[in-house]
Amino acid sequence: MLITDVEVEGHGRVDVRLGGGRVVGIGRRRAGRGDVEGRGGALLVGLHDHHVHLAALAAEAASVRVGPAEAGDRDGLVAALRSGPPGEWVRAVGYHESVAGELDRWVLDDFAPDRPVRVQHRSGALWVWNSAALRAAGLDGGGHGGDEGDGGDGRFWREDERLRGFTPPVRLDLRGVGARAAAYGITGFTNADPHPGQDLPELLSVLPQRLVVMGIGDAPVKFLLDDATLPTPGELAASVAAVRPRPVAVHCVTRVQLLVTLLALEEAGPVAGDRIEHGSVIPAETLPWLARLGVTVVTQPHFPVERGREYATDVDPDDQAHLYRCRSLAEAGIPLAAGTDAPYGSADPWAVMRAAVERSGGEAVARRAALDLFAGEPQLPSRVRRLAVGSIADLCLLHVPLKEALDLMSADVVRATIVGGSRITPTE
């Protein structure tokens, strides 16, 4: 493939030739047409979403969104759950208590008694089922005294694997996920499910993007921490040591989870590729510790923007100043990258970049630094890739020069996406 008249950092306006899945030439512009005409737009390395949940994202097409932005309030939630023919299963996602308070089976029975309903919390950690759904699945635990997780109250905490066999198959629109991601300039994903089935890579293989699936092959091993079942630092260190020399990716969304993880990594010894997922709360006093361990933080700088109203009331005041750090991590020398966490956050990496440059509280980063959050190597997210002869031809062609693209910070600037030297966006 010959891409003509593109702006490449360090080279100016040039022609770029691809072959064998790599960049084989960057040279002076010549007369004549290429396979793709750049028209002066920037040619960049493709974006990599370093933390995403692809099957859940693909299931959104068969789901009803009931978050604060979509349902709004109790009446909006009831209307959403009652939409569609009576008797059909309703899969609702994105719920937060600010919509209609805490949910259990009996609350959902009042909202939608004539159909099986299951509602997923915005965190992805909790499903709530109504009585019709429990009966249909043979999980009806009976009266009002059930403990959370036994089905009695309809609340299931981190039981996706067990519940999957009790529900009708959900259509996964993976081709749609891949097409939308290509329109964003995404050439690769890191799937961050904690317990991937061995068949997940085959399921995801319809995506045109490059894939890293945590827990499979040489990808990082995901450890999911919850405060209620938190291991001791020694226990976590033993678990980490058991998977070495593979790197680990530890889900840390609270202060105590981060501290246990740092102690465990100190004991087990860090390796290249170790990651903290989210880093939702990172106290300032832990920054030197993180820097010394060299562990990469894969963060979501858009969450304080998307969830600001809820965080203002849900998050402990002592933690407010430490939420989803960005600039302070970079300034402390801590390896940094970003993921969308879609579908639990926006799937648009350009929206994440905008949030990163608009952050308050001293956490805003420069525009180029925001772009680089999605330009890292798949296995080493903080190691930023640059377009060069010999590099893998996973590329993103823009309509405009880089400076204009950074000013706009919008997916509208993406013109073509190329993976392994082949274009995955429609031709113009």
Protein backbone atom coordinates (compact mmCIF):
# COMPACT_ATOMS: atom_id res chain seq x y z
CA MET A 1 0.00 0.00 0.00
CA LEU A 2 1.23 3.48 -0.87
CA ILE A 3 -0.11 6.37 1.20
CA THR A 4 0.69 9.70 -0.43
CA ASP A 5 1.06 13.22 0.90
CA VAL A 6 0.76 12.69 4.63
CA GLU A 7 2.23 14.55 7.57
CA VAL A 8 4.57 12.34 9.58
CA GLU A 9 6.26 13.66 12.71
CA GLY A 10 9.92 14.33 12.08
CA HIS A 11 9.54 13.99 8.30
CA GLY A 12 7.07 16.67 7.22
CA ARG A 13 4.78 15.89 4.28
CA VAL A 14 5.87 12.62 2.73
CA ASP A 15 4.72 9.42 1.08
CA VAL A 16 4.60 6.24 3.19
CA ARG A 17 4.82 2.74 1.77
CA LEU A 18 3.56 -0.36 3.57
CA GLY A 19 4.47 -3.98 2.91
CA GLY A 20 4.33 -7.24 4.78
CA GLY A 21 2.29 -5.62 7.56
CA ARG A 22 4.98 -3.02 8.30
CA VAL A 23 6.10 0.45 7.29
CA VAL A 24 8.78 -0.15 4.65
CA GLY A 25 9.40 3.37 3.43
CA ILE A 26 8.97 7.02 4.38
CA GLY A 27 10.10 9.25 1.54
CA ARG A 28 9.82 12.41 -0.46
CA ARG A 29 6.47 13.15 -2.06
CA ARG A 30 6.20 12.11 -5.67
CA ALA A 31 3.77 12.94 -8.42
CA GLY A 32 0.94 10.48 -8.99
CA ARG A 33 -1.80 8.80 -7.06
CA GLY A 34 -1.39 6.37 -4.20
CA ASP A 35 -3.60 3.63 -2.88
CA VAL A 36 -4.66 6.10 -0.19
CA GLU A 37 -4.26 9.86 -0.65
CA GLY A 38 -3.43 11.72 2.55
CA ARG A 39 -4.10 15.26 1.31
CA GLY A 40 -1.82 16.66 3.99
CA GLY A 41 -3.48 14.92 6.92
CA ALA A 42 -1.42 13.48 9.77
CA LEU A 43 -0.54 9.78 9.72
CA LEU A 44 -0.19 8.44 13.26
CA VAL A 45 0.19 5.11 14.96
CA GLY A 46 -3.25 3.63 15.58
CA LEU A 47 -4.92 4.06 18.95
CA HIS A 48 -4.94 1.16 21.41
CA ASP A 49 -7.67 0.96 24.05
CA HIS A 50 -5.71 -0.46 26.98
CA HIS A 51 -8.71 -1.47 29.12
CA VAL A 52 -12.05 -2.50 27.63
CA HIS A 53 -14.65 -5.26 28.10
CA LEU A 54 -15.46 -6.32 24.56
CA ALA A 55 -18.19 -8.93 25.09
CA ALA A 56 -20.09 -6.61 27.43
CA LEU A 57 -19.66 -3.77 24.95
CA ALA A 58 -20.98 -5.98 22.14
CA ALA A 59 -24.00 -6.91 24.28
CA GLU A 60 -25.06 -3.26 24.54
CA ALA A 61 -26.89 -3.54 21.23
CA ALA A 62 -29.30 -5.96 22.93
CA SER A 63 -29.57 -3.91 26.13
CA VAL A 64 -31.50 -0.96 27.51
CA ARG A 65 -29.37 1.81 29.02
CA VAL A 66 -30.80 3.04 32.34
CA GLY A 67 -28.06 5.27 33.73
CA PRO A 68 -28.56 8.82 35.01
CA ALA A 69 -28.06 10.30 31.54
CA GLU A 70 -30.54 7.93 29.87
CA ALA A 71 -33.28 7.04 32.37
CA GLY A 72 -32.89 10.18 34.47
CA ASP A 73 -35.24 9.27 37.31
CA ARG A 74 -37.64 6.62 38.60
CA ASP A 75 -40.28 7.31 35.97
CA GLY A 76 -37.71 7.08 33.20
CA LEU A 77 -36.42 3.79 34.59
CA VAL A 78 -39.92 2.30 34.79
CA ALA A 79 -40.66 3.36 31.21
CA ALA A 80 -37.39 1.81 29.99
CA LEU A 81 -38.01 -1.50 31.77
CA ARG A 82 -41.58 -1.73 30.49
CA SER A 83 -40.66 -1.03 26.87
CA GLY A 84 -40.98 -3.96 24.51
CA PRO A 85 -43.44 -6.85 24.45
CA PRO A 86 -44.60 -8.29 27.81
CA GLY A 87 -42.91 -11.54 28.75
CA GLU A 88 -39.62 -10.86 26.95
CA TRP A 89 -36.39 -10.66 28.93
CA VAL A 90 -35.09 -7.15 29.56
CA ARG A 91 -31.34 -6.65 29.96
CA ALA A 92 -30.74 -3.18 31.41
CA VAL A 93 -27.26 -1.72 31.97
CA GLY A 94 -25.54 1.34 33.38
CA TYR A 95 -27.73 1.75 36.48
CA HIS A 96 -26.73 4.06 39.33
CA GLU A 97 -28.58 4.65 42.59
CA SER A 98 -29.10 8.33 41.74
CA VAL A 99 -31.79 7.20 39.27
CA ALA A 100 -34.17 5.43 41.68
CA GLY A 101 -32.26 4.36 44.78
CA GLU A 102 -31.17 0.85 45.78
CA LEU A 103 -32.69 -1.98 43.75
CA ASP A 104 -33.72 -5.48 44.76
CA ARG A 105 -36.13 -8.04 43.34
CA TRP A 106 -39.18 -6.49 44.97
CA VAL A 107 -38.43 -2.97 43.78
CA LEU A 108 -38.04 -4.33 40.25
CA ASP A 109 -41.28 -6.30 40.67
CA ASP A 110 -43.08 -3.00 41.28
CA PHE A 111 -41.41 -1.43 38.24
CA ALA A 112 -41.95 -4.28 35.76
CA PRO A 113 -43.95 -7.26 37.07
CA ASP A 114 -44.91 -8.79 33.70
CA ARG A 115 -41.51 -9.72 32.30
CA PRO A 116 -38.10 -11.09 33.42
CA VAL A 117 -35.84 -8.13 34.17
CA ARG A 118 -32.15 -7.99 35.07
CA VAL A 119 -30.37 -4.72 35.74
CA GLN A 120 -26.61 -4.30 35.84
CA HIS A 121 -25.03 -1.64 38.05
CA ARG A 122 -22.80 0.90 36.33
CA SER A 123 -19.76 -0.61 38.03
CA GLY A 124 -20.40 -3.92 36.28
CA ALA A 125 -20.08 -5.71 39.64
CA LEU A 126 -23.78 -6.18 40.53
CA TRP A 127 -26.80 -7.65 38.76
CA VAL A 128 -30.30 -7.27 40.20
CA TRP A 129 -33.06 -9.60 38.98
CA ASN A 130 -36.79 -9.36 39.49
CA SER A 131 -38.94 -12.32 40.57
CA ALA A 132 -40.01 -13.17 37.02
CA ALA A 133 -36.37 -13.51 35.98
CA LEU A 134 -35.50 -15.62 39.03
CA ARG A 135 -38.45 -17.95 38.39
CA ALA A 136 -37.63 -18.26 34.69
CA ALA A 137 -34.05 -19.23 35.56
CA GLY A 138 -34.97 -21.55 38.44
CA LEU A 139 -33.10 -19.31 40.88
CA ASP A 140 -36.02 -18.15 43.02
CA GLY A 141 -34.66 -18.07 46.54
CA GLY A 142 -38.02 -17.35 48.10
CA GLY A 143 -38.89 -14.77 50.73
CA HIS A 144 -37.59 -11.41 51.85
CA GLY A 145 -34.76 -12.70 54.01
CA GLY A 146 -32.26 -13.75 51.33
CA ASP A 147 -28.61 -12.76 51.63
CA GLU A 148 -27.06 -10.80 48.79
CA GLY A 149 -25.78 -13.25 46.20
CA ASP A 150 -28.07 -16.22 46.99
CA GLY A 151 -30.91 -15.03 44.76
CA GLY A 152 -33.25 -14.39 47.66
CA ASP A 153 -33.19 -10.64 47.20
CA GLY A 154 -32.36 -10.80 43.51
CA ARG A 155 -28.93 -9.21 44.01
CA PHE A 156 -25.90 -11.01 42.59
CA TRP A 157 -22.44 -9.62 43.31
CA ARG A 158 -19.74 -10.56 40.76
CA GLU A 159 -21.54 -13.71 39.64
CA ASP A 160 -21.53 -13.17 35.88
CA GLU A 161 -20.00 -16.57 35.16
CA ARG A 162 -22.63 -18.47 37.18
CA LEU A 163 -25.55 -16.45 35.85
CA ARG A 164 -24.56 -16.73 32.21
CA GLY A 165 -26.07 -20.20 31.87
CA PHE A 166 -29.46 -19.14 33.22
CA THR A 167 -30.33 -16.42 30.72
CA PRO A 168 -31.31 -16.48 27.06
CA PRO A 169 -28.36 -15.97 24.70
CA VAL A 170 -27.56 -12.32 24.14
CA ARG A 171 -26.74 -11.22 20.62
CA LEU A 172 -23.20 -9.85 20.57
CA ASP A 173 -22.71 -7.16 17.96
CA LEU A 174 -18.94 -7.61 17.70
CA ARG A 175 -18.83 -6.50 14.09
CA GLY A 176 -20.51 -3.26 15.09
CA VAL A 177 -18.00 -2.82 17.92
CA GLY A 178 -15.12 -3.28 15.48
CA ALA A 179 -16.58 -0.87 12.91
CA ARG A 180 -17.25 1.86 15.47
CA ALA A 181 -13.77 1.42 16.95
CA ALA A 182 -12.22 1.69 13.49
CA ALA A 183 -14.05 5.00 13.02
CA TYR A 184 -12.31 6.20 16.20
CA GLY A 185 -8.90 5.18 14.84
CA ILE A 186 -8.58 2.21 17.20
CA THR A 187 -6.27 -0.52 15.88
CA GLY A 188 -6.03 -2.61 19.04
CA PHE A 189 -7.77 -3.59 22.27
CA THR A 190 -6.74 -5.04 25.61
CA ASN A 191 -9.71 -7.01 26.92
CA ALA A 192 -9.75 -6.73 30.71
CA ASP A 193 -12.25 -9.37 31.84
CA PRO A 194 -11.00 -11.04 35.04
CA HIS A 195 -11.99 -14.62 34.15
CA PRO A 196 -11.92 -15.02 30.36
CA GLY A 197 -13.06 -18.33 28.93
CA GLN A 198 -10.59 -20.15 26.72
CA ASP A 199 -12.99 -19.61 23.82
CA LEU A 200 -13.01 -15.81 24.22
CA PRO A 201 -10.14 -15.14 21.77
CA GLU A 202 -12.00 -17.13 19.10
CA LEU A 203 -15.22 -15.25 19.85
CA LEU A 204 -13.42 -11.91 19.53
CA SER A 205 -11.53 -12.93 16.40
CA VAL A 206 -14.20 -11.36 14.18
CA LEU A 207 -12.89 -7.96 15.26
CA PRO A 208 -10.50 -6.42 12.72
CA GLN A 209 -8.39 -4.91 15.49
CA ARG A 210 -5.32 -6.45 17.13
CA LEU A 211 -6.17 -8.13 20.46
CA VAL A 212 -4.58 -8.67 23.86
CA VAL A 213 -6.81 -10.78 26.12
CA MET A 214 -5.85 -10.64 29.80
CA GLY A 215 -5.28 -14.08 31.27
CA ILE A 216 -4.67 -15.72 27.86
CA GLY A 217 -1.23 -16.53 26.45
CA ASP A 218 1.48 -14.13 27.59
CA ALA A 219 -0.96 -11.31 28.39
CA PRO A 220 -1.10 -9.94 31.96
CA VAL A 221 -3.05 -11.98 34.48
CA LYS A 222 -5.97 -10.01 35.89
CA PHE A 223 -6.55 -9.89 39.67
CA LEU A 224 -9.91 -8.47 40.71
CA LEU A 225 -9.96 -7.07 44.25
CA ASP A 226 -13.02 -6.26 46.38
CA ASP A 227 -12.79 -4.76 49.86
CA ALA A 228 -15.20 -7.34 51.31
CA THR A 229 -12.99 -10.26 50.23
CA LEU A 230 -9.62 -8.53 50.18
CA PRO A 231 -6.62 -10.85 50.56
CA THR A 232 -3.77 -9.95 52.86
CA PRO A 233 -0.68 -8.51 51.17
CA GLY A 234 1.08 -11.82 51.75
CA GLU A 235 -1.75 -13.81 50.18
CA LEU A 236 -1.83 -11.55 47.13
CA ALA A 237 1.97 -11.69 46.87
CA ALA A 238 1.79 -15.50 46.82
CA SER A 239 -0.82 -15.39 44.06
CA VAL A 240 1.32 -12.97 42.05
CA ALA A 241 4.44 -15.10 42.52
CA ALA A 242 2.52 -18.16 41.31
CA VAL A 243 1.96 -16.62 37.85
CA ARG A 244 5.44 -15.19 37.39
CA PRO A 245 7.20 -14.49 35.08
CA ARG A 246 3.93 -13.22 33.57
CA PRO A 247 2.96 -9.66 34.51
CA VAL A 248 -0.18 -8.94 36.51
CA ALA A 249 -2.96 -6.39 36.14
CA VAL A 250 -4.55 -5.62 39.50
CA HIS A 251 -7.97 -3.96 39.70
CA CYS A 252 -7.65 -1.18 42.32
CA VAL A 253 -10.61 1.13 42.92
CA THR A 254 -10.15 1.94 46.61
CA ARG A 255 -7.34 3.22 48.80
CA VAL A 256 -6.98 -0.06 50.70
CA GLN A 257 -6.89 -2.12 47.48
CA LEU A 258 -4.02 0.00 46.19
CA LEU A 259 -2.05 -0.33 49.44
CA VAL A 260 -2.48 -4.12 49.54
CA THR A 261 -1.37 -4.32 45.90
CA LEU A 262 1.74 -2.21 46.44
CA LEU A 263 2.75 -4.28 49.45
CA ALA A 264 2.19 -7.48 47.47
CA LEU A 265 4.21 -6.28 44.49
CA GLU A 266 6.98 -5.20 46.86
CA GLU A 267 7.08 -8.71 48.33
CA ALA A 268 6.72 -10.64 45.07
CA GLY A 269 8.94 -8.29 43.09
CA PRO A 270 7.65 -6.27 40.10
CA VAL A 271 8.23 -7.32 36.49
CA ALA A 272 7.94 -5.38 33.23
CA GLY A 273 4.31 -5.10 32.23
CA ASP A 274 2.81 -5.07 35.74
CA ARG A 275 -0.25 -2.80 35.83
CA ILE A 276 -2.63 -1.10 38.20
CA GLU A 277 -6.06 -1.03 36.57
CA HIS A 278 -8.08 2.14 37.23
CA GLY A 279 -6.08 3.54 40.15
CA SER A 280 -9.34 5.19 41.17
CA VAL A 281 -7.91 6.46 44.47
CA ILE A 282 -4.16 7.07 44.62
CA PRO A 283 -3.10 9.02 47.74
CA ALA A 284 -0.29 11.49 47.14
CA GLU A 285 2.00 9.73 49.60
CA THR A 286 1.98 6.57 47.43
CA LEU A 287 3.34 8.30 44.31
CA PRO A 288 7.05 7.76 45.13
CA TRP A 289 6.28 4.12 45.94
CA LEU A 290 4.53 3.58 42.60
CA ALA A 291 7.38 5.27 40.76
CA ARG A 292 9.98 3.08 42.47
CA LEU A 293 8.11 -0.13 41.61
CA GLY A 294 7.76 1.01 38.00
CA VAL A 295 4.22 -0.35 37.77
CA THR A 296 2.06 1.18 35.02
CA VAL A 297 -1.25 2.81 35.95
CA VAL A 298 -3.95 2.31 33.31
CA THR A 299 -6.47 4.96 34.25
CA GLN A 300 -9.80 6.44 33.10
CA PRO A 301 -9.45 10.24 33.28
CA HIS A 302 -12.97 10.65 31.88
CA PHE A 303 -14.72 9.13 34.89
CA PRO A 304 -14.56 12.30 37.07
CA VAL A 305 -16.14 14.14 34.12
CA GLU A 306 -18.79 11.51 33.25
CA ARG A 307 -19.62 10.78 36.90
CA GLY A 308 -18.80 14.06 38.61
CA ARG A 309 -22.26 14.56 40.14
CA GLU A 310 -22.37 11.06 41.60
CA TYR A 311 -18.75 11.14 42.79
CA ALA A 312 -19.47 14.35 44.70
CA THR A 313 -21.83 12.44 46.99
CA ASP A 314 -20.65 8.82 46.69
CA VAL A 315 -16.91 9.26 47.26
CA ASP A 316 -15.44 9.78 50.72
CA PRO A 317 -14.37 13.44 51.11
CA ASP A 318 -10.87 12.27 52.03
CA ASP A 319 -10.59 10.56 48.65
CA GLN A 320 -11.98 13.33 46.45
CA ALA A 321 -8.59 14.94 45.78
CA HIS A 322 -7.05 11.60 44.76
CA LEU A 323 -9.53 10.42 42.11
CA TYR A 324 -8.21 9.16 38.78
CA ARG A 325 -4.94 11.03 38.86
CA CYS A 326 -3.33 11.82 35.55
CA ARG A 327 -0.86 14.72 35.43
CA SER A 328 0.44 14.11 38.96
CA LEU A 329 1.26 10.50 38.01
CA ALA A 330 3.18 11.57 34.93
CA GLU A 331 5.06 14.26 36.84
CA ALA A 332 6.04 11.70 39.47
CA GLY A 333 7.59 9.50 36.78
CA ILE A 334 4.91 6.80 37.00
CA PRO A 335 4.26 4.95 33.72
CA LEU A 336 0.80 5.94 32.52
CA ALA A 337 -1.74 4.86 29.93
CA ALA A 338 -5.51 4.96 29.53
CA GLY A 339 -8.41 2.74 28.59
CA THR A 340 -12.06 3.55 28.05
CA ASP A 341 -13.39 0.75 30.34
CA ALA A 342 -16.27 0.54 27.84
CA PRO A 343 -19.12 -0.22 28.20
CA TYR A 344 -18.77 1.12 31.77
CA GLY A 345 -17.39 4.35 30.32
CA SER A 346 -17.47 6.04 26.94
CA ALA A 347 -16.07 3.86 24.14
CA ASP A 348 -14.70 6.97 22.37
CA PRO A 349 -10.98 7.46 23.16
CA TRP A 350 -11.13 11.02 21.85
CA ALA A 351 -13.73 11.84 24.53
CA VAL A 352 -11.33 10.38 27.10
CA MET A 353 -8.54 12.58 25.73
CA ARG A 354 -10.74 15.69 25.93
CA ALA A 355 -11.54 14.84 29.54
CA ALA A 356 -7.83 14.43 30.29
CA VAL A 357 -6.99 17.91 29.00
CA GLU A 358 -10.01 19.50 30.72
CA ARG A 359 -9.51 17.97 34.16
CA SER A 360 -9.58 20.28 37.17
CA GLY A 361 -7.59 20.08 40.37
CA GLY A 362 -4.20 20.16 38.67
CA GLU A 363 -4.71 16.81 36.91
CA ALA A 364 -5.08 18.13 33.32
CA VAL A 365 -2.43 16.99 30.85
CA ALA A 366 -1.14 18.55 27.63
CA ARG A 367 -2.99 17.63 24.47
CA ARG A 368 -0.17 15.55 23.00
CA ALA A 369 0.22 13.72 26.31
CA ALA A 370 -3.50 12.90 26.20
CA LEU A 371 -3.12 11.38 22.72
CA ASP A 372 -0.13 9.35 23.90
CA LEU A 373 -2.29 7.71 26.59
CA PHE A 374 -3.70 5.59 23.73
CA ALA A 375 -0.48 5.30 21.69
CA GLY A 376 1.37 2.80 23.88
CA GLU A 377 2.53 -0.68 22.95
CA PRO A 378 -0.15 -3.30 23.59
CA GLN A 379 1.94 -5.24 26.15
CA LEU A 380 3.77 -2.18 27.56
CA PRO A 381 1.09 0.54 27.49
CA SER A 382 3.28 3.41 28.71
CA ARG A 383 5.91 2.85 25.98
CA VAL A 384 4.67 5.20 23.27
CA ARG A 385 4.90 3.97 19.68
CA ARG A 386 6.03 6.26 16.87
CA LEU A 387 5.69 5.78 13.13
CA ALA A 388 9.04 4.71 11.66
CA VAL A 389 10.44 2.43 8.98
CA GLY A 390 10.12 -1.10 10.28
CA SER A 391 7.25 -0.38 12.66
CA ILE A 392 4.05 -2.42 12.51
CA ALA A 393 1.60 -0.84 10.08
CA ASP A 394 -1.21 -0.22 12.59
CA LEU A 395 -2.00 3.35 11.60
CA CYS A 396 -4.55 6.12 11.84
CA LEU A 397 -4.86 8.64 9.01
CA LEU A 398 -6.45 11.98 9.87
CA HIS A 399 -8.26 14.51 7.71
CA VAL A 400 -6.14 17.32 9.17
CA PRO A 401 -2.57 18.00 10.35
CA LEU A 402 -1.67 16.95 13.87
CA LYS A 403 -1.84 20.43 15.42
CA GLU A 404 -5.39 20.91 14.19
CA ALA A 405 -6.36 17.42 15.35
CA LEU A 406 -5.05 18.12 18.84
CA ASP A 407 -6.99 21.39 18.94
CA LEU A 408 -10.22 19.63 17.88
CA MET A 409 -9.65 16.43 19.91
CA SER A 410 -12.56 14.69 18.17
CA ALA A 411 -13.11 11.39 16.37
CA ASP A 412 -14.34 13.48 13.43
CA VAL A 413 -10.69 13.98 12.43
CA VAL A 414 -10.22 10.26 11.68
CA ARG A 415 -10.23 9.45 7.98
CA ALA A 416 -8.87 5.92 7.70
CA THR A 417 -7.71 3.15 10.02
CA ILE A 418 -5.16 0.54 8.95
CA VAL A 419 -4.27 -2.68 10.77
CA GLY A 420 -1.30 -4.75 9.64
CA GLY A 421 -1.12 -2.78 6.42
CA SER A 422 -4.79 -3.34 5.50
CA ARG A 423 -7.46 -0.69 5.67
CA ILE A 424 -10.35 -1.59 8.02
CA THR A 425 -12.48 1.53 7.45
CA PRO A 426 -14.66 1.84 4.36
CA THR A 427 -13.07 3.50 1.35
CA GLU A 428 -14.28 6.95 0.49
